[in-house]
Amino acid sequence: MKKIPLKSMVVCAMLTAVAVVLDRFVPALFTDTYKITFTFVPVVVAAILYGPWGGAAVWGLADLIGAILFPRGVYFPGFTVTSALKGALFGWFLHKKGAKFFPHVVVPTLVNNFVIGLAIDTLWIAILYSSKTYWGYFVGRIPQFAAITAMNLILIPLLEKFCGTLNRHVKL
């Protein structure tokens, strides 16, 4: 098994802490059905720098730590699994790939937001809060994921350039 450098673990831990703060404390659009935050930013940075394992670890741990320390309702492990999966998907597409907009930015953004986020996370919500049907939640969350997709498509290429510059000067 390959050893993980200490510097990589420290950077991932800091990015996890930033993700928890962005998710739980930074003002965002948050209602019962909408949640639009910038939590994906440290996850994308970890995915670019460290690949699928870094992205999965940061988003999965950020979700778990945030849910345990600062709960907003009932903890459901399905959200942690899908968070880790979304981080891993960003890592598979963005790590060491260069700044090609399609497919490296568009494909993981669309799959994360519309397949994993909209379809699967909506299933978790429908299981937890069965006051509406799955399709009622699904249709109601479409504007949220359209906004998050636009944010991803704008910010991820900028984050790739930032990480490239950072990596050249600091060697993370």
N, C-alpha and C. Protein backbone atom coordinates (compact mmCIF):
# COMPACT_ATOMS: atom_id res chain seq x y z
N MET A 1 0.83 -1.18 0.00
CA MET A 1 0.00 0.00 0.00
C MET A 1 0.88 1.25 0.00
N LYS A 2 0.52 2.20 -0.81
CA LYS A 2 1.30 3.42 -0.94
C LYS A 2 1.09 4.33 0.26
N LYS A 3 2.18 4.89 0.78
CA LYS A 3 2.09 5.80 1.91
C LYS A 3 1.61 7.17 1.43
N ILE A 4 0.77 7.79 2.23
CA ILE A 4 0.28 9.13 1.92
C ILE A 4 1.18 10.14 2.62
N PRO A 5 1.75 11.08 1.87
CA PRO A 5 2.63 12.07 2.49
C PRO A 5 1.89 12.92 3.53
N LEU A 6 2.60 13.28 4.57
CA LEU A 6 2.03 14.08 5.65
C LEU A 6 1.50 15.41 5.13
N LYS A 7 2.22 16.03 4.20
CA LYS A 7 1.78 17.31 3.65
C LYS A 7 0.42 17.18 2.96
N SER A 8 0.21 16.08 2.26
CA SER A 8 -1.07 15.85 1.59
C SER A 8 -2.20 15.69 2.61
N MET A 9 -1.94 14.96 3.68
CA MET A 9 -2.97 14.78 4.72
C MET A 9 -3.31 16.10 5.40
N VAL A 10 -2.30 16.92 5.66
CA VAL A 10 -2.53 18.21 6.31
C VAL A 10 -3.34 19.13 5.40
N VAL A 11 -2.99 19.17 4.13
CA VAL A 11 -3.74 20.02 3.19
C VAL A 11 -5.19 19.53 3.07
N CYS A 12 -5.38 18.23 2.97
CA CYS A 12 -6.75 17.68 2.91
C CYS A 12 -7.53 17.98 4.18
N ALA A 13 -6.87 17.91 5.33
CA ALA A 13 -7.54 18.24 6.60
C ALA A 13 -7.96 19.71 6.63
N MET A 14 -7.09 20.58 6.15
CA MET A 14 -7.44 22.01 6.11
C MET A 14 -8.58 22.26 5.13
N LEU A 15 -8.55 21.61 3.98
CA LEU A 15 -9.64 21.77 3.01
C LEU A 15 -10.95 21.21 3.56
N THR A 16 -10.87 20.14 4.34
CA THR A 16 -12.07 19.60 4.99
C THR A 16 -12.64 20.61 5.97
N ALA A 17 -11.79 21.23 6.75
CA ALA A 17 -12.24 22.25 7.70
C ALA A 17 -12.88 23.43 6.97
N VAL A 18 -12.28 23.85 5.87
CA VAL A 18 -12.85 24.95 5.08
C VAL A 18 -14.22 24.54 4.53
N ALA A 19 -14.34 23.30 4.07
CA ALA A 19 -15.63 22.82 3.54
C ALA A 19 -16.70 22.80 4.63
N VAL A 20 -16.34 22.39 5.84
CA VAL A 20 -17.31 22.39 6.95
C VAL A 20 -17.75 23.82 7.25
N VAL A 21 -16.82 24.74 7.31
CA VAL A 21 -17.16 26.14 7.59
C VAL A 21 -18.04 26.71 6.48
N LEU A 22 -17.68 26.46 5.22
CA LEU A 22 -18.49 26.96 4.11
C LEU A 22 -19.89 26.36 4.12
N ASP A 23 -19.99 25.10 4.51
CA ASP A 23 -21.29 24.43 4.50
C ASP A 23 -22.17 24.86 5.67
N ARG A 24 -21.58 25.05 6.84
CA ARG A 24 -22.38 25.27 8.04
C ARG A 24 -22.47 26.71 8.51
N PHE A 25 -21.49 27.57 8.16
CA PHE A 25 -21.46 28.90 8.75
C PHE A 25 -21.52 30.06 7.77
N VAL A 26 -21.08 29.86 6.55
CA VAL A 26 -21.09 30.95 5.57
C VAL A 26 -22.51 31.12 5.04
N PRO A 27 -23.04 32.34 5.07
CA PRO A 27 -24.41 32.54 4.59
C PRO A 27 -24.58 32.05 3.15
N ALA A 28 -25.66 31.37 2.94
CA ALA A 28 -25.97 30.83 1.62
C ALA A 28 -27.48 30.78 1.49
N LEU A 29 -27.94 30.44 0.31
CA LEU A 29 -29.36 30.24 0.11
C LEU A 29 -29.71 28.87 0.68
N PHE A 30 -30.46 28.85 1.78
CA PHE A 30 -30.78 27.60 2.44
C PHE A 30 -32.22 27.62 2.90
N THR A 31 -33.01 26.71 2.38
CA THR A 31 -34.39 26.52 2.82
C THR A 31 -34.58 25.02 3.04
N ASP A 32 -35.82 24.61 3.24
CA ASP A 32 -36.07 23.18 3.44
C ASP A 32 -35.72 22.36 2.20
N THR A 33 -35.90 22.94 1.02
CA THR A 33 -35.63 22.18 -0.19
C THR A 33 -34.41 22.68 -0.96
N TYR A 34 -33.97 23.92 -0.74
CA TYR A 34 -32.81 24.47 -1.47
C TYR A 34 -31.62 24.62 -0.54
N LYS A 35 -30.45 24.31 -1.08
CA LYS A 35 -29.20 24.54 -0.36
C LYS A 35 -28.13 24.85 -1.41
N ILE A 36 -27.81 26.13 -1.55
CA ILE A 36 -26.81 26.55 -2.51
C ILE A 36 -25.66 27.18 -1.74
N THR A 37 -24.51 26.49 -1.71
CA THR A 37 -23.33 26.96 -0.99
C THR A 37 -22.11 26.83 -1.90
N PHE A 38 -20.99 27.29 -1.37
CA PHE A 38 -19.70 27.16 -2.08
C PHE A 38 -18.87 26.02 -1.49
N THR A 39 -19.52 25.04 -0.90
CA THR A 39 -18.82 23.92 -0.28
C THR A 39 -17.98 23.14 -1.30
N PHE A 40 -18.39 23.16 -2.55
CA PHE A 40 -17.67 22.39 -3.56
C PHE A 40 -16.28 22.95 -3.85
N VAL A 41 -16.00 24.20 -3.50
CA VAL A 41 -14.72 24.82 -3.84
C VAL A 41 -13.53 24.09 -3.20
N PRO A 42 -13.48 23.88 -1.87
CA PRO A 42 -12.34 23.14 -1.33
C PRO A 42 -12.30 21.69 -1.80
N VAL A 43 -13.44 21.12 -2.10
CA VAL A 43 -13.48 19.74 -2.60
C VAL A 43 -12.84 19.67 -3.98
N VAL A 44 -13.17 20.62 -4.84
CA VAL A 44 -12.59 20.65 -6.19
C VAL A 44 -11.08 20.88 -6.10
N VAL A 45 -10.64 21.73 -5.18
CA VAL A 45 -9.20 21.95 -5.00
C VAL A 45 -8.53 20.64 -4.59
N ALA A 46 -9.12 19.92 -3.64
CA ALA A 46 -8.55 18.63 -3.22
C ALA A 46 -8.58 17.63 -4.37
N ALA A 47 -9.64 17.63 -5.15
CA ALA A 47 -9.74 16.70 -6.29
C ALA A 47 -8.69 17.01 -7.34
N ILE A 48 -8.46 18.28 -7.62
CA ILE A 48 -7.45 18.67 -8.60
C ILE A 48 -6.05 18.28 -8.11
N LEU A 49 -5.77 18.57 -6.84
CA LEU A 49 -4.44 18.33 -6.31
C LEU A 49 -4.15 16.86 -6.01
N TYR A 50 -5.14 16.12 -5.49
CA TYR A 50 -4.89 14.78 -4.98
C TYR A 50 -5.72 13.68 -5.62
N GLY A 51 -6.55 14.00 -6.57
CA GLY A 51 -7.29 12.97 -7.29
C GLY A 51 -8.55 12.51 -6.59
N PRO A 52 -9.06 11.34 -7.00
CA PRO A 52 -10.34 10.86 -6.48
C PRO A 52 -10.34 10.62 -4.97
N TRP A 53 -9.22 10.10 -4.44
CA TRP A 53 -9.19 9.83 -2.99
C TRP A 53 -9.22 11.12 -2.20
N GLY A 54 -8.51 12.14 -2.67
CA GLY A 54 -8.53 13.42 -1.97
C GLY A 54 -9.90 14.07 -2.01
N GLY A 55 -10.52 14.08 -3.19
CA GLY A 55 -11.86 14.68 -3.30
C GLY A 55 -12.89 13.93 -2.48
N ALA A 56 -12.83 12.59 -2.51
CA ALA A 56 -13.78 11.78 -1.74
C ALA A 56 -13.58 11.97 -0.25
N ALA A 57 -12.33 11.99 0.19
CA ALA A 57 -12.05 12.15 1.62
C ALA A 57 -12.52 13.50 2.12
N VAL A 58 -12.22 14.55 1.37
CA VAL A 58 -12.59 15.90 1.82
C VAL A 58 -14.10 16.06 1.89
N TRP A 59 -14.82 15.68 0.83
CA TRP A 59 -16.27 15.91 0.86
C TRP A 59 -16.98 14.94 1.79
N GLY A 60 -16.54 13.70 1.83
CA GLY A 60 -17.15 12.73 2.73
C GLY A 60 -16.93 13.10 4.19
N LEU A 61 -15.69 13.44 4.54
CA LEU A 61 -15.40 13.83 5.93
C LEU A 61 -16.06 15.16 6.29
N ALA A 62 -16.10 16.09 5.36
CA ALA A 62 -16.75 17.38 5.64
C ALA A 62 -18.24 17.17 5.94
N ASP A 63 -18.88 16.29 5.18
CA ASP A 63 -20.29 16.01 5.43
C ASP A 63 -20.47 15.33 6.78
N LEU A 64 -19.65 14.35 7.07
CA LEU A 64 -19.76 13.61 8.33
C LEU A 64 -19.48 14.51 9.53
N ILE A 65 -18.39 15.25 9.48
CA ILE A 65 -18.02 16.13 10.60
C ILE A 65 -19.06 17.23 10.78
N GLY A 66 -19.51 17.82 9.68
CA GLY A 66 -20.52 18.87 9.78
C GLY A 66 -21.82 18.34 10.37
N ALA A 67 -22.22 17.14 9.98
CA ALA A 67 -23.47 16.56 10.49
C ALA A 67 -23.37 16.19 11.97
N ILE A 68 -22.19 15.76 12.39
CA ILE A 68 -22.03 15.37 13.79
C ILE A 68 -21.87 16.59 14.70
N LEU A 69 -21.02 17.53 14.30
CA LEU A 69 -20.74 18.68 15.17
C LEU A 69 -21.80 19.78 15.08
N PHE A 70 -22.37 19.97 13.91
CA PHE A 70 -23.33 21.07 13.70
C PHE A 70 -24.56 20.54 12.96
N PRO A 71 -25.36 19.71 13.62
CA PRO A 71 -26.49 19.06 12.92
C PRO A 71 -27.57 20.05 12.51
N ARG A 72 -28.20 19.74 11.38
CA ARG A 72 -29.35 20.51 10.88
C ARG A 72 -30.58 19.61 10.79
N GLY A 73 -30.51 18.50 11.36
CA GLY A 73 -31.59 17.52 11.28
C GLY A 73 -31.02 16.15 11.56
N VAL A 74 -31.69 15.15 11.10
CA VAL A 74 -31.29 13.77 11.32
C VAL A 74 -30.10 13.44 10.43
N TYR A 75 -29.11 12.74 11.00
CA TYR A 75 -27.98 12.28 10.18
C TYR A 75 -28.42 11.07 9.37
N PHE A 76 -28.09 11.09 8.10
CA PHE A 76 -28.40 9.96 7.21
C PHE A 76 -27.13 9.62 6.44
N PRO A 77 -26.59 8.41 6.57
CA PRO A 77 -25.31 8.07 5.94
C PRO A 77 -25.33 8.11 4.42
N GLY A 78 -26.49 8.03 3.81
CA GLY A 78 -26.56 8.11 2.36
C GLY A 78 -26.00 9.41 1.81
N PHE A 79 -26.22 10.52 2.54
CA PHE A 79 -25.68 11.80 2.10
C PHE A 79 -24.15 11.81 2.15
N THR A 80 -23.57 11.15 3.15
CA THR A 80 -22.11 11.09 3.25
C THR A 80 -21.55 10.26 2.10
N VAL A 81 -22.20 9.16 1.78
CA VAL A 81 -21.74 8.31 0.67
C VAL A 81 -21.81 9.07 -0.65
N THR A 82 -22.93 9.76 -0.91
CA THR A 82 -23.03 10.49 -2.17
C THR A 82 -22.07 11.68 -2.20
N SER A 83 -21.80 12.30 -1.06
CA SER A 83 -20.81 13.38 -1.02
C SER A 83 -19.43 12.86 -1.39
N ALA A 84 -19.05 11.73 -0.81
CA ALA A 84 -17.74 11.14 -1.14
C ALA A 84 -17.68 10.74 -2.61
N LEU A 85 -18.77 10.21 -3.12
CA LEU A 85 -18.82 9.82 -4.54
C LEU A 85 -18.66 11.04 -5.45
N LYS A 86 -19.31 12.14 -5.09
CA LYS A 86 -19.17 13.36 -5.90
C LYS A 86 -17.73 13.88 -5.88
N GLY A 87 -17.09 13.85 -4.71
CA GLY A 87 -15.69 14.28 -4.62
C GLY A 87 -14.78 13.38 -5.44
N ALA A 88 -15.03 12.06 -5.39
CA ALA A 88 -14.22 11.12 -6.17
C ALA A 88 -14.40 11.35 -7.67
N LEU A 89 -15.62 11.63 -8.09
CA LEU A 89 -15.87 11.87 -9.52
C LEU A 89 -15.14 13.11 -10.00
N PHE A 90 -15.16 14.17 -9.20
CA PHE A 90 -14.38 15.35 -9.57
C PHE A 90 -12.90 14.99 -9.67
N GLY A 91 -12.40 14.19 -8.74
CA GLY A 91 -10.99 13.79 -8.77
C GLY A 91 -10.63 12.99 -10.01
N TRP A 92 -11.50 12.06 -10.41
CA TRP A 92 -11.22 11.26 -11.60
C TRP A 92 -11.12 12.11 -12.85
N PHE A 93 -11.92 13.15 -12.93
CA PHE A 93 -11.93 13.97 -14.14
C PHE A 93 -10.95 15.14 -14.10
N LEU A 94 -10.65 15.67 -12.92
CA LEU A 94 -9.88 16.91 -12.85
C LEU A 94 -8.41 16.71 -12.50
N HIS A 95 -8.04 15.59 -11.90
CA HIS A 95 -6.66 15.38 -11.44
C HIS A 95 -5.74 15.12 -12.63
N LYS A 96 -4.74 15.96 -12.79
CA LYS A 96 -3.71 15.82 -13.83
C LYS A 96 -4.29 15.73 -15.24
N LYS A 97 -5.31 16.47 -15.53
CA LYS A 97 -5.93 16.39 -16.84
C LYS A 97 -5.70 17.64 -17.70
N GLY A 98 -5.28 18.72 -17.12
CA GLY A 98 -5.22 19.95 -17.89
C GLY A 98 -6.56 20.66 -17.83
N ALA A 99 -6.61 21.83 -18.39
CA ALA A 99 -7.80 22.68 -18.28
C ALA A 99 -8.70 22.56 -19.50
N LYS A 100 -9.09 21.35 -19.86
CA LYS A 100 -10.03 21.18 -20.98
C LYS A 100 -11.44 21.27 -20.43
N PHE A 101 -12.20 22.20 -20.97
CA PHE A 101 -13.54 22.43 -20.44
C PHE A 101 -14.43 21.21 -20.65
N PHE A 102 -14.37 20.65 -21.84
CA PHE A 102 -15.15 19.44 -22.09
C PHE A 102 -14.17 18.33 -22.39
N PRO A 103 -14.20 17.23 -21.77
CA PRO A 103 -15.17 16.68 -20.83
C PRO A 103 -14.79 16.86 -19.37
N HIS A 104 -13.59 17.37 -19.07
CA HIS A 104 -13.08 17.34 -17.71
C HIS A 104 -13.83 18.21 -16.72
N VAL A 105 -14.53 19.22 -17.17
CA VAL A 105 -15.32 20.06 -16.28
C VAL A 105 -16.81 19.77 -16.45
N VAL A 106 -17.26 19.67 -17.68
CA VAL A 106 -18.69 19.53 -17.96
C VAL A 106 -19.25 18.19 -17.48
N VAL A 107 -18.57 17.10 -17.80
CA VAL A 107 -19.11 15.77 -17.47
C VAL A 107 -19.25 15.56 -15.96
N PRO A 108 -18.19 15.79 -15.14
CA PRO A 108 -18.41 15.55 -13.71
C PRO A 108 -19.41 16.52 -13.09
N THR A 109 -19.46 17.73 -13.61
CA THR A 109 -20.44 18.70 -13.09
C THR A 109 -21.86 18.23 -13.36
N LEU A 110 -22.14 17.80 -14.59
CA LEU A 110 -23.49 17.34 -14.92
C LEU A 110 -23.85 16.06 -14.17
N VAL A 111 -22.92 15.10 -14.11
CA VAL A 111 -23.21 13.85 -13.41
C VAL A 111 -23.40 14.10 -11.91
N ASN A 112 -22.50 14.89 -11.31
CA ASN A 112 -22.61 15.18 -9.88
C ASN A 112 -23.91 15.89 -9.54
N ASN A 113 -24.26 16.90 -10.35
CA ASN A 113 -25.41 17.72 -9.99
C ASN A 113 -26.74 17.09 -10.36
N PHE A 114 -26.82 16.45 -11.52
CA PHE A 114 -28.13 15.97 -11.96
C PHE A 114 -28.36 14.49 -11.68
N VAL A 115 -27.31 13.67 -11.69
CA VAL A 115 -27.51 12.25 -11.41
C VAL A 115 -27.38 11.99 -9.90
N ILE A 116 -26.23 12.38 -9.34
CA ILE A 116 -26.01 12.08 -7.92
C ILE A 116 -26.77 13.07 -7.03
N GLY A 117 -26.61 14.36 -7.28
CA GLY A 117 -27.24 15.36 -6.42
C GLY A 117 -28.74 15.41 -6.54
N LEU A 118 -29.23 15.55 -7.76
CA LEU A 118 -30.68 15.70 -7.95
C LEU A 118 -31.40 14.37 -7.78
N ALA A 119 -30.95 13.34 -8.43
CA ALA A 119 -31.69 12.06 -8.40
C ALA A 119 -31.47 11.30 -7.09
N ILE A 120 -30.22 11.05 -6.71
CA ILE A 120 -29.96 10.20 -5.55
C ILE A 120 -30.19 10.94 -4.24
N ASP A 121 -29.65 12.16 -4.10
CA ASP A 121 -29.88 12.91 -2.86
C ASP A 121 -31.36 13.21 -2.65
N THR A 122 -32.09 13.41 -3.73
CA THR A 122 -33.54 13.62 -3.60
C THR A 122 -34.21 12.35 -3.10
N LEU A 123 -33.70 11.19 -3.51
CA LEU A 123 -34.22 9.94 -2.97
C LEU A 123 -34.00 9.86 -1.47
N TRP A 124 -32.81 10.27 -1.00
CA TRP A 124 -32.55 10.27 0.44
C TRP A 124 -33.52 11.20 1.17
N ILE A 125 -33.77 12.37 0.59
CA ILE A 125 -34.70 13.31 1.21
C ILE A 125 -36.11 12.73 1.25
N ALA A 126 -36.53 12.10 0.17
CA ALA A 126 -37.86 11.49 0.13
C ALA A 126 -37.99 10.36 1.16
N ILE A 127 -36.90 9.64 1.39
CA ILE A 127 -36.92 8.58 2.40
C ILE A 127 -37.02 9.18 3.80
N LEU A 128 -36.25 10.25 4.05
CA LEU A 128 -36.25 10.86 5.38
C LEU A 128 -37.54 11.61 5.70
N TYR A 129 -38.01 12.39 4.74
CA TYR A 129 -39.18 13.24 4.98
C TYR A 129 -40.28 12.83 4.00
N SER A 130 -41.04 11.86 4.35
CA SER A 130 -41.99 11.30 3.40
C SER A 130 -43.28 12.10 3.28
N SER A 131 -43.22 13.39 3.57
CA SER A 131 -44.44 14.20 3.46
C SER A 131 -44.80 14.49 1.99
N LYS A 132 -43.83 14.41 1.11
CA LYS A 132 -44.08 14.60 -0.32
C LYS A 132 -43.61 13.37 -1.06
N THR A 133 -43.98 13.29 -2.29
CA THR A 133 -43.47 12.19 -3.11
C THR A 133 -42.07 12.53 -3.60
N TYR A 134 -41.39 11.54 -4.10
CA TYR A 134 -40.06 11.73 -4.68
C TYR A 134 -40.10 12.78 -5.79
N TRP A 135 -41.07 12.67 -6.68
CA TRP A 135 -41.13 13.56 -7.84
C TRP A 135 -41.45 14.99 -7.44
N GLY A 136 -42.17 15.17 -6.35
CA GLY A 136 -42.42 16.52 -5.86
C GLY A 136 -41.13 17.19 -5.41
N TYR A 137 -40.32 16.46 -4.67
CA TYR A 137 -39.00 16.97 -4.28
C TYR A 137 -38.11 17.17 -5.50
N PHE A 138 -38.13 16.20 -6.40
CA PHE A 138 -37.27 16.25 -7.58
C PHE A 138 -37.52 17.52 -8.39
N VAL A 139 -38.77 17.77 -8.73
CA VAL A 139 -39.11 18.95 -9.54
C VAL A 139 -38.79 20.24 -8.78
N GLY A 140 -39.04 20.23 -7.48
CA GLY A 140 -38.77 21.42 -6.67
C GLY A 140 -37.30 21.75 -6.55
N ARG A 141 -36.43 20.76 -6.70
CA ARG A 141 -34.98 20.98 -6.55
C ARG A 141 -34.26 21.27 -7.87
N ILE A 142 -34.95 21.22 -8.98
CA ILE A 142 -34.30 21.48 -10.27
C ILE A 142 -33.67 22.88 -10.33
N PRO A 143 -34.34 23.96 -9.89
CA PRO A 143 -33.67 25.27 -9.94
C PRO A 143 -32.40 25.34 -9.10
N GLN A 144 -32.38 24.65 -7.97
CA GLN A 144 -31.18 24.62 -7.13
C GLN A 144 -30.01 24.03 -7.90
N PHE A 145 -30.22 22.91 -8.56
CA PHE A 145 -29.12 22.25 -9.25
C PHE A 145 -28.75 22.95 -10.55
N ALA A 146 -29.67 23.68 -11.14
CA ALA A 146 -29.32 24.51 -12.30
C ALA A 146 -28.38 25.63 -11.85
N ALA A 147 -28.65 26.24 -10.72
CA ALA A 147 -27.78 27.30 -10.20
C ALA A 147 -26.42 26.75 -9.80
N ILE A 148 -26.39 25.60 -9.13
CA ILE A 148 -25.12 25.00 -8.72
C ILE A 148 -24.30 24.59 -9.94
N THR A 149 -24.95 24.09 -10.97
CA THR A 149 -24.25 23.71 -12.20
C THR A 149 -23.60 24.93 -12.84
N ALA A 150 -24.31 26.04 -12.90
CA ALA A 150 -23.74 27.27 -13.46
C ALA A 150 -22.53 27.72 -12.63
N MET A 151 -22.65 27.66 -11.31
CA MET A 151 -21.51 28.04 -10.44
C MET A 151 -20.32 27.13 -10.70
N ASN A 152 -20.57 25.82 -10.81
CA ASN A 152 -19.48 24.86 -11.07
C ASN A 152 -18.79 25.15 -12.40
N LEU A 153 -19.58 25.37 -13.44
CA LEU A 153 -19.01 25.57 -14.77
C LEU A 153 -18.20 26.86 -14.86
N ILE A 154 -18.51 27.83 -14.04
CA ILE A 154 -17.76 29.09 -14.03
C ILE A 154 -16.52 28.97 -13.15
N LEU A 155 -16.66 28.39 -11.96
CA LEU A 155 -15.57 28.41 -10.98
C LEU A 155 -14.53 27.30 -11.15
N ILE A 156 -14.91 26.14 -11.65
CA ILE A 156 -13.94 25.03 -11.73
C ILE A 156 -12.76 25.36 -12.66
N PRO A 157 -12.96 25.94 -13.86
CA PRO A 157 -11.78 26.30 -14.66
C PRO A 157 -10.88 27.33 -13.95
N LEU A 158 -11.47 28.24 -13.20
CA LEU A 158 -10.67 29.20 -12.43
C LEU A 158 -9.89 28.49 -11.33
N LEU A 159 -10.52 27.53 -10.67
CA LEU A 159 -9.83 26.77 -9.62
C LEU A 159 -8.71 25.92 -10.20
N GLU A 160 -8.90 25.39 -11.41
CA GLU A 160 -7.82 24.63 -12.06
C GLU A 160 -6.60 25.50 -12.31
N LYS A 161 -6.83 26.70 -12.79
CA LYS A 161 -5.70 27.62 -13.02
C LYS A 161 -5.03 27.98 -11.71
N PHE A 162 -5.85 28.26 -10.68
CA PHE A 162 -5.30 28.60 -9.36
C PHE A 162 -4.47 27.45 -8.81
N CYS A 163 -4.96 26.23 -8.90
CA CYS A 163 -4.24 25.07 -8.37
C CYS A 163 -2.96 24.81 -9.16
N GLY A 164 -3.01 25.04 -10.46
CA GLY A 164 -1.79 24.88 -11.26
C GLY A 164 -0.71 25.86 -10.84
N THR A 165 -1.10 27.10 -10.63
CA THR A 165 -0.15 28.12 -10.17
C THR A 165 0.34 27.80 -8.77
N LEU A 166 -0.56 27.42 -7.91
CA LEU A 166 -0.20 27.08 -6.52
C LEU A 166 0.75 25.90 -6.48
N ASN A 167 0.48 24.89 -7.27
CA ASN A 167 1.31 23.69 -7.28
C ASN A 167 2.71 23.96 -7.84
N ARG A 168 2.80 24.88 -8.80
CA ARG A 168 4.12 25.22 -9.34
C ARG A 168 4.98 25.94 -8.31
N HIS A 169 4.36 26.74 -7.45
CA HIS A 169 5.13 27.53 -6.49
C HIS A 169 5.31 26.85 -5.14
N VAL A 170 4.35 26.06 -4.72
CA VAL A 170 4.39 25.48 -3.39
C VAL A 170 4.67 23.99 -3.40
N LYS A 171 4.35 23.28 -4.47
CA LYS A 171 4.51 21.83 -4.59
C LYS A 171 3.69 21.09 -3.54
N LEU A 172 2.37 21.19 -3.70
CA LEU A 172 1.48 20.48 -2.79
C LEU A 172 1.34 19.07 -3.27
